[in-house]
Amino acid sequence: MKGQKGQAFILVLMLLAVGALLIVPVLDYITTGLRAQQISEDTMLEAYSADSGVQSALLELNKNSGNYTETPLEQSFTINDRMVNVTATYVGGGIYKVTSTATSPNGRSTTIECDVGLGVGSVAFAVATKKDMTLQNTIVNSSLDYPGEGNIHSAENILLTDCQIYGDATAMGFISGGEVIEPGIVTPYSLLPVPFPQDYSALYMAMAKEGGTHPLVNMVIDEDRSLGPLYINGYLRIENATVNLTGTVYVTGDIIVEGSNLDGDENIVAEGNIHIEQGAVRSDIIPIILCIKVDGRIYSEGHLEGPTTVDGVLYAPYGEVILAPEGVNFYGVHLYGAVYGKTVNTEGCTITFAKDLLQDRQGLPGSEMRIISYSYK
């Protein structure tokens, strides 16, 4: 019995010795785990905070991208107890380099770098207005691949006189007169908002300037050539020529097009008015023709010799688009593309919605600044 007690005592001493040997590693393991967990949480919060900086820059670039083509965007704020510093620098071609760094109180930091550029959008309507739309003796149809989709929409009222609309007519105000052809549906007092593109004209100006500035005050083109990117500090006049748009064209004055072809899926922007007449502005790949003048006008008229044929998106977000014959018994305008404006007035014209050419393109409704690439540093 005494021998057994001695053996038990020896066993206890052995267990204590083993415990003493194990307790330090176990405590080290627990401490290391806690530290790793803390580091993981810090890294996660830094990553979340840095991403918040990217999203903040993206929001600002969507609202005011043109303000940061020469002077970088700089932001600083605190979130998740981390200091976030953000810069967005314009690198050309409509692309911004965004760098966002989140720093923890212990000095650790996480940096995200990404490229941001203008994404793609799509045109949903053949004709759309922010204010009233007035169509007289007008046919609105769609391309053969999309029959019955010559849809029109106004954020206010639609006034139709002797019209044929091969699609739906919707307005947030009233719809009066006209004839809407089946399968069209007439929906007055609709809650559907007009999906207008945002104004990226300042960004387009920077993109145009990357190709240089025209050396003369005004520019006249009377022979076939390529054009763009180019900044023109005056008016642009194109007469009886085929112009292949190879980049953004920005004009501080008026644009006058007479009997010419504009070809290419680019933007041509005017701070003044835009006048298209006498013949054709024909394109296999249609451009976006943009008038940014407040109360400005895109005006196209048919003539006695024949209709004016325009292939493109006519867009006057702050002004008026007018498609009409020059006089009584004159031909009207045949447009293949779409018409968007603050107001639209047509008479004796045919509008064919080119849906097949107006999907997944920059500068269309739904286009916004989006992340192109994204990486941690």
Protein backbone atom coordinates (compact mmCIF):
# COMPACT_ATOMS: atom_id res chain seq x y z
CA MET A 1 0.00 0.00 0.00
CA LYS A 2 2.80 2.46 0.87
CA GLY A 3 4.52 1.55 -2.42
CA GLN A 4 1.33 2.32 -4.37
CA LYS A 5 1.05 5.74 -2.68
CA GLY A 6 4.64 6.46 -3.67
CA GLN A 7 3.90 5.49 -7.25
CA ALA A 8 0.87 7.81 -7.33
CA PHE A 9 2.99 10.67 -6.05
CA ILE A 10 5.59 10.02 -8.72
CA LEU A 11 2.85 9.98 -11.39
CA VAL A 12 1.54 13.35 -10.17
CA LEU A 13 5.05 14.81 -10.32
CA MET A 14 5.47 13.49 -13.86
CA LEU A 15 2.16 15.05 -14.95
CA LEU A 16 3.15 18.37 -13.41
CA ALA A 17 6.46 18.23 -15.23
CA VAL A 18 4.77 17.48 -18.57
CA GLY A 19 2.23 20.24 -17.93
CA ALA A 20 5.02 22.71 -17.21
CA LEU A 21 6.65 21.77 -20.50
CA LEU A 22 3.41 22.14 -22.47
CA ILE A 23 1.90 25.27 -20.94
CA VAL A 24 4.32 27.72 -22.56
CA PRO A 25 3.84 26.41 -26.14
CA VAL A 26 0.09 26.23 -25.62
CA LEU A 27 0.00 29.82 -24.38
CA ASP A 28 2.22 30.89 -27.30
CA TYR A 29 -0.12 29.10 -29.72
CA ILE A 30 -3.17 30.79 -28.23
CA THR A 31 -1.46 34.19 -28.29
CA THR A 32 -0.33 33.69 -31.89
CA GLY A 33 -3.86 32.71 -32.89
CA LEU A 34 -5.31 35.78 -31.25
CA ARG A 35 -2.71 37.96 -32.96
CA ALA A 36 -3.44 36.32 -36.33
CA GLN A 37 -7.15 36.86 -35.82
CA GLN A 38 -6.53 40.51 -34.99
CA ILE A 39 -4.31 40.93 -38.04
CA SER A 40 -6.95 39.24 -40.20
CA GLU A 41 -9.65 41.55 -38.84
CA ASP A 42 -7.40 44.58 -39.37
CA THR A 43 -6.65 43.51 -42.93
CA MET A 44 -10.32 42.91 -43.63
CA LEU A 45 -11.32 46.31 -42.25
CA GLU A 46 -8.51 47.96 -44.23
CA ALA A 47 -9.72 46.25 -47.40
CA TYR A 48 -13.33 47.28 -46.76
CA SER A 49 -12.22 50.84 -46.02
CA ALA A 50 -10.00 51.06 -49.11
CA ASP A 51 -12.86 49.76 -51.25
CA SER A 52 -15.09 52.47 -49.75
CA GLY A 53 -12.57 54.96 -51.10
CA VAL A 54 -12.82 53.43 -54.57
CA GLN A 55 -16.61 53.62 -54.47
CA SER A 56 -16.49 57.23 -53.27
CA ALA A 57 -14.22 58.18 -56.19
CA LEU A 58 -16.45 56.29 -58.60
CA LEU A 59 -19.50 58.21 -57.39
CA GLU A 60 -17.74 61.55 -57.82
CA LEU A 61 -16.43 60.66 -61.28
CA ASN A 62 -19.93 59.71 -62.38
CA LYS A 63 -21.17 63.13 -61.32
CA ASN A 64 -18.25 65.33 -62.35
CA SER A 65 -15.75 63.33 -64.40
CA GLY A 66 -14.83 66.32 -66.53
CA ASN A 67 -13.61 68.26 -63.49
CA TYR A 68 -10.69 65.89 -63.02
CA THR A 69 -9.14 65.54 -66.47
CA GLU A 70 -6.43 68.10 -65.64
CA THR A 71 -6.49 68.26 -61.83
CA PRO A 72 -6.60 64.89 -60.01
CA LEU A 73 -9.45 64.04 -57.68
CA GLU A 74 -8.29 63.87 -54.06
CA GLN A 75 -10.40 62.69 -51.11
CA SER A 76 -9.68 61.88 -47.45
CA PHE A 77 -12.07 60.53 -44.83
CA THR A 78 -12.24 58.16 -41.86
CA ILE A 79 -14.29 54.97 -41.86
CA ASN A 80 -14.05 51.85 -39.64
CA ASP A 81 -11.52 53.82 -37.57
CA ARG A 82 -9.22 53.80 -40.64
CA MET A 83 -7.90 56.84 -42.47
CA VAL A 84 -8.67 56.58 -46.19
CA ASN A 85 -6.80 58.61 -48.83
CA VAL A 86 -8.03 58.49 -52.43
CA THR A 87 -6.69 59.91 -55.69
CA ALA A 88 -8.08 59.61 -59.23
CA THR A 89 -5.79 60.70 -62.06
CA TYR A 90 -6.84 60.97 -65.70
CA VAL A 91 -4.48 58.91 -67.86
CA GLY A 92 -6.13 59.47 -71.25
CA GLY A 93 -8.57 57.64 -73.49
CA GLY A 94 -11.40 58.29 -71.05
CA ILE A 95 -9.62 56.25 -68.32
CA TYR A 96 -8.87 57.27 -64.72
CA LYS A 97 -6.37 55.56 -62.40
CA VAL A 98 -7.89 55.36 -58.90
CA THR A 99 -5.68 54.65 -55.87
CA SER A 100 -7.26 54.17 -52.43
CA THR A 101 -5.19 53.52 -49.28
CA ALA A 102 -6.72 52.68 -45.89
CA THR A 103 -4.41 52.98 -42.85
CA SER A 104 -5.11 51.38 -39.45
CA PRO A 105 -4.22 53.03 -36.10
CA ASN A 106 -1.26 50.63 -35.79
CA GLY A 107 0.23 51.95 -39.05
CA ARG A 108 -0.68 48.97 -41.22
CA SER A 109 -2.28 49.84 -44.57
CA THR A 110 -4.00 48.28 -47.57
CA THR A 111 -4.01 49.88 -51.02
CA ILE A 112 -6.37 49.21 -53.92
CA GLU A 113 -5.57 50.35 -57.45
CA CYS A 114 -8.11 50.26 -60.25
CA ASP A 115 -8.81 51.68 -63.69
CA VAL A 116 -12.16 53.39 -64.21
CA GLY A 117 -13.73 54.19 -67.57
CA LEU A 118 -17.04 54.88 -69.24
CA GLY A 119 -19.15 51.74 -69.46
CA VAL A 120 -21.72 50.81 -72.06
CA GLY A 121 -25.43 51.50 -72.30
CA SER A 122 -28.34 50.95 -74.67
CA VAL A 123 -31.06 53.05 -76.26
CA ALA A 124 -34.55 51.90 -75.29
CA PHE A 125 -36.71 54.31 -77.33
CA ALA A 126 -36.90 55.55 -80.89
CA VAL A 127 -37.88 58.99 -79.54
CA ALA A 128 -37.63 60.21 -75.93
CA THR A 129 -38.02 63.63 -74.33
CA LYS A 130 -37.63 65.26 -70.93
CA LYS A 131 -40.37 67.77 -71.80
CA ASP A 132 -43.12 67.72 -74.45
CA MET A 133 -42.92 65.70 -77.66
CA THR A 134 -44.85 66.93 -80.73
CA LEU A 135 -45.04 64.64 -83.77
CA GLN A 136 -46.97 65.57 -86.93
CA ASN A 137 -47.46 63.37 -89.99
CA THR A 138 -44.64 61.19 -88.69
CA ILE A 139 -43.96 57.47 -88.95
CA VAL A 140 -41.97 55.83 -86.15
CA ASN A 141 -40.87 52.27 -86.83
CA SER A 142 -38.00 49.92 -86.01
CA SER A 143 -35.44 47.95 -87.98
CA LEU A 144 -36.51 44.68 -89.62
CA ASP A 145 -34.76 42.59 -86.95
CA TYR A 146 -36.89 44.19 -84.21
CA PRO A 147 -40.39 44.77 -85.64
CA GLY A 148 -42.89 46.67 -83.54
CA GLU A 149 -40.26 48.28 -81.27
CA GLY A 150 -40.54 51.87 -82.47
CA ASN A 151 -41.38 52.94 -78.91
CA ILE A 152 -41.70 56.59 -77.86
CA HIS A 153 -41.67 58.10 -74.37
CA SER A 154 -41.98 61.51 -72.74
CA ALA A 155 -41.42 62.62 -69.16
CA GLU A 156 -44.26 65.09 -69.79
CA ASN A 157 -46.74 65.02 -72.71
CA ILE A 158 -46.98 63.56 -76.22
CA LEU A 159 -48.99 65.35 -78.91
CA LEU A 160 -49.60 63.27 -82.05
CA THR A 161 -51.20 64.46 -85.29
CA ASP A 162 -51.71 62.02 -88.19
CA CYS A 163 -48.91 59.75 -86.96
CA GLN A 164 -48.22 56.05 -87.17
CA ILE A 165 -46.28 54.64 -84.25
CA TYR A 166 -45.26 51.00 -84.68
CA GLY A 167 -44.59 50.41 -81.00
CA ASP A 168 -45.63 51.63 -77.56
CA ALA A 169 -46.34 55.23 -76.62
CA THR A 170 -45.84 56.08 -72.93
CA ALA A 171 -45.86 59.42 -71.15
CA MET A 172 -45.74 60.63 -67.56
CA GLY A 173 -48.31 63.25 -68.66
CA PHE A 174 -51.03 62.91 -71.30
CA ILE A 175 -51.01 61.49 -74.84
CA SER A 176 -53.31 63.11 -77.39
CA GLY A 177 -54.25 62.40 -81.02
CA GLY A 178 -52.47 60.25 -83.53
CA GLU A 179 -52.75 56.61 -84.38
CA VAL A 180 -50.77 53.95 -82.59
CA ILE A 181 -50.46 50.80 -84.67
CA GLU A 182 -50.75 47.33 -83.12
CA PRO A 183 -49.10 45.82 -81.19
CA GLY A 184 -48.49 49.21 -79.69
CA ILE A 185 -49.84 50.05 -76.23
CA VAL A 186 -50.77 53.60 -75.24
CA THR A 187 -49.95 54.35 -71.59
CA PRO A 188 -50.51 57.92 -70.37
CA TYR A 189 -49.54 58.92 -66.83
CA SER A 190 -46.82 56.28 -66.77
CA LEU A 191 -44.35 56.20 -63.87
CA LEU A 192 -41.56 54.97 -66.17
CA PRO A 193 -38.62 57.44 -66.01
CA VAL A 194 -36.79 58.48 -69.18
CA PRO A 195 -33.37 56.75 -69.20
CA PHE A 196 -31.25 59.65 -70.48
CA PRO A 197 -27.44 59.43 -70.63
CA GLN A 198 -25.48 61.49 -68.13
CA ASP A 199 -23.60 64.53 -69.42
CA TYR A 200 -20.00 63.46 -70.05
CA SER A 201 -19.29 66.36 -72.41
CA ALA A 202 -16.33 67.63 -70.34
CA LEU A 203 -14.78 64.16 -70.53
CA TYR A 204 -15.45 64.11 -74.29
CA MET A 205 -13.64 67.47 -74.53
CA ALA A 206 -10.56 65.99 -72.86
CA MET A 207 -10.69 62.93 -75.13
CA ALA A 208 -10.95 65.17 -78.20
CA LYS A 209 -8.00 67.32 -77.08
CA GLU A 210 -5.82 64.21 -76.86
CA GLY A 211 -5.85 64.21 -80.67
CA GLY A 212 -4.84 67.87 -80.81
CA THR A 213 -6.52 71.23 -81.47
CA HIS A 214 -7.39 72.37 -84.98
CA PRO A 215 -4.90 75.17 -85.80
CA LEU A 216 -7.51 77.50 -87.29
CA VAL A 217 -10.52 79.03 -85.56
CA ASN A 218 -13.00 77.15 -87.75
CA MET A 219 -12.81 73.97 -89.82
CA VAL A 220 -14.34 73.34 -93.26
CA ILE A 221 -14.26 69.85 -94.80
CA ASP A 222 -15.15 69.49 -98.48
CA GLU A 223 -13.40 66.23 -99.35
CA ASP A 224 -13.36 62.69 -98.01
CA ARG A 225 -11.16 62.20 -94.92
CA SER A 226 -10.85 60.76 -91.42
CA LEU A 227 -11.55 62.95 -88.40
CA GLY A 228 -10.89 62.61 -84.69
CA PRO A 229 -9.97 62.77 -82.00
CA LEU A 230 -9.89 66.54 -82.49
CA TYR A 231 -10.82 69.72 -80.61
CA ILE A 232 -12.14 72.57 -82.79
CA ASN A 233 -12.31 76.03 -81.20
CA GLY A 234 -14.90 77.39 -83.61
CA TYR A 235 -17.44 75.92 -86.01
CA LEU A 236 -17.26 72.74 -88.11
CA ARG A 237 -18.73 72.69 -91.63
CA ILE A 238 -18.85 69.49 -93.70
CA GLU A 239 -19.90 69.82 -97.35
CA ASN A 240 -20.42 66.93 -99.80
CA ALA A 241 -17.83 64.69 -98.17
CA THR A 242 -17.56 61.33 -96.46
CA VAL A 243 -16.00 61.68 -93.01
CA ASN A 244 -14.81 58.61 -91.13
CA LEU A 245 -14.92 59.39 -87.42
CA THR A 246 -11.87 57.83 -85.75
CA GLY A 247 -12.23 59.50 -82.35
CA THR A 248 -14.25 62.01 -80.38
CA VAL A 249 -14.77 65.39 -82.07
CA TYR A 250 -15.55 68.40 -79.86
CA VAL A 251 -16.66 71.70 -81.42
CA THR A 252 -17.12 74.94 -79.44
CA GLY A 253 -19.32 76.49 -82.14
CA ASP A 254 -21.98 75.20 -84.53
CA ILE A 255 -21.83 72.06 -86.66
CA ILE A 256 -23.23 72.31 -90.21
CA VAL A 257 -23.50 69.19 -92.34
CA GLU A 258 -24.61 69.41 -95.98
CA GLY A 259 -24.99 66.34 -98.18
CA SER A 260 -22.31 64.38 -96.39
CA ASN A 261 -21.67 61.03 -94.70
CA LEU A 262 -20.55 60.69 -91.07
CA ASP A 263 -19.44 57.16 -90.35
CA GLY A 264 -18.18 55.64 -87.09
CA ASP A 265 -19.43 54.76 -83.60
CA GLU A 266 -17.92 57.89 -82.04
CA ASN A 267 -19.26 61.04 -80.39
CA ILE A 268 -19.39 64.37 -82.18
CA VAL A 269 -20.21 67.18 -79.73
CA ALA A 270 -21.20 70.82 -80.28
CA GLU A 271 -21.44 73.64 -77.77
CA GLY A 272 -23.47 75.48 -80.43
CA ASN A 273 -26.33 74.34 -82.66
CA ILE A 274 -26.26 71.47 -85.16
CA HIS A 275 -27.78 71.83 -88.64
CA ILE A 276 -28.08 68.86 -91.03
CA GLU A 277 -29.47 69.50 -94.51
CA GLN A 278 -29.38 68.83 -98.26
CA GLY A 279 -28.88 65.17 -98.86
CA ALA A 280 -27.59 62.63 -96.43
CA VAL A 281 -25.64 61.94 -93.27
CA ARG A 282 -25.30 58.21 -93.89
CA SER A 283 -23.41 55.74 -91.71
CA ASP A 284 -22.90 51.99 -91.61
CA ILE A 285 -21.82 52.45 -87.98
CA ILE A 286 -23.84 55.31 -86.62
CA PRO A 287 -22.40 58.15 -84.52
CA ILE A 288 -23.87 59.97 -81.55
CA ILE A 289 -24.44 63.61 -82.52
CA LEU A 290 -24.65 65.62 -79.30
CA CYS A 291 -25.70 69.26 -78.78
CA ILE A 292 -24.92 70.39 -75.21
CA LYS A 293 -25.99 74.04 -75.63
CA VAL A 294 -28.67 75.17 -73.19
CA ASP A 295 -31.75 75.85 -75.33
CA GLY A 296 -29.65 74.71 -78.28
CA ARG A 297 -31.03 73.07 -81.40
CA ILE A 298 -30.39 70.09 -83.61
CA TYR A 299 -32.20 70.96 -86.84
CA SER A 300 -32.58 68.77 -89.90
CA GLU A 301 -34.76 69.70 -92.87
CA GLY A 302 -35.89 68.02 -96.06
CA HIS A 303 -35.73 69.85 -99.39
CA LEU A 304 -37.55 70.05 -102.70
CA GLU A 305 -34.92 67.83 -104.34
CA GLY A 306 -35.37 64.99 -101.87
CA PRO A 307 -35.39 63.95 -98.22
CA THR A 308 -32.50 64.46 -95.85
CA THR A 309 -31.37 61.06 -94.60
CA VAL A 310 -29.66 60.95 -91.23
CA ASP A 311 -28.11 57.86 -89.64
CA GLY A 312 -27.25 58.50 -86.00
CA VAL A 313 -28.44 59.34 -82.51
CA LEU A 314 -29.51 62.97 -82.31
CA TYR A 315 -29.25 64.05 -78.69
CA ALA A 316 -30.00 67.49 -77.24
CA PRO A 317 -30.36 67.03 -73.46
CA TYR A 318 -30.83 70.77 -72.80
CA GLY A 319 -32.43 71.83 -76.06
CA GLU A 320 -34.66 70.91 -78.98
CA VAL A 321 -34.49 68.47 -81.87
CA ILE A 322 -36.46 69.54 -84.95
CA LEU A 323 -37.00 67.30 -87.99
CA ALA A 324 -39.14 68.97 -90.66
CA PRO A 325 -39.35 69.86 -94.37
CA GLU A 326 -37.99 73.25 -95.40
CA GLY A 327 -41.29 74.30 -96.97
CA VAL A 328 -44.71 73.22 -98.23
CA ASN A 329 -44.60 70.19 -100.59
CA PHE A 330 -40.97 69.59 -99.67
CA TYR A 331 -39.57 66.24 -98.65
CA GLY A 332 -39.10 65.46 -94.97
CA VAL A 333 -36.33 63.81 -92.99
CA HIS A 334 -35.60 60.08 -92.88
CA LEU A 335 -33.73 59.20 -89.70
CA TYR A 336 -32.21 55.80 -88.92
CA GLY A 337 -31.15 55.71 -85.28
CA ALA A 338 -32.91 57.48 -82.41
CA VAL A 339 -33.86 60.95 -81.20
CA TYR A 340 -33.46 62.15 -77.61
CA GLY A 341 -33.99 65.74 -76.49
CA LYS A 342 -35.39 68.10 -73.93
CA THR A 343 -38.13 68.56 -76.53
CA VAL A 344 -38.63 66.96 -79.95
CA ASN A 345 -40.72 68.36 -82.80
CA THR A 346 -41.17 66.50 -86.08
CA GLU A 347 -43.23 67.00 -89.22
CA GLY A 348 -43.47 64.82 -92.31
CA CYS A 349 -40.60 62.57 -91.30
CA THR A 350 -39.83 58.90 -90.84
CA ILE A 351 -37.87 57.64 -87.82
CA THR A 352 -36.57 54.08 -87.86
CA PHE A 353 -35.23 52.84 -84.54
CA ALA A 354 -31.82 51.21 -85.14
CA LYS A 355 -31.91 48.98 -82.08
CA ASP A 356 -29.36 46.58 -83.55
CA LEU A 357 -26.72 49.35 -83.66
CA LEU A 358 -27.60 50.97 -80.33
CA GLN A 359 -26.86 48.27 -77.78
CA ASP A 360 -23.78 48.02 -75.52
CA ARG A 361 -22.15 51.27 -76.57
CA GLN A 362 -20.52 54.03 -74.56
CA GLY A 363 -22.41 57.30 -74.20
CA LEU A 364 -25.88 55.75 -74.34
CA PRO A 365 -28.50 55.57 -71.57
CA GLY A 366 -27.14 53.43 -68.76
CA SER A 367 -23.54 54.36 -69.50
CA GLU A 368 -21.66 55.30 -66.35
CA MET A 369 -18.12 55.31 -65.01
CA ARG A 370 -17.28 51.71 -64.13
CA ILE A 371 -14.33 49.71 -62.81
CA ILE A 372 -12.28 48.13 -65.59
CA SER A 373 -9.50 46.54 -63.50
CA TYR A 374 -9.03 46.06 -59.74
CA SER A 375 -6.01 44.94 -57.69
CA TYR A 376 -4.61 45.00 -54.13
CA LYS A 377 -1.15 46.38 -53.45
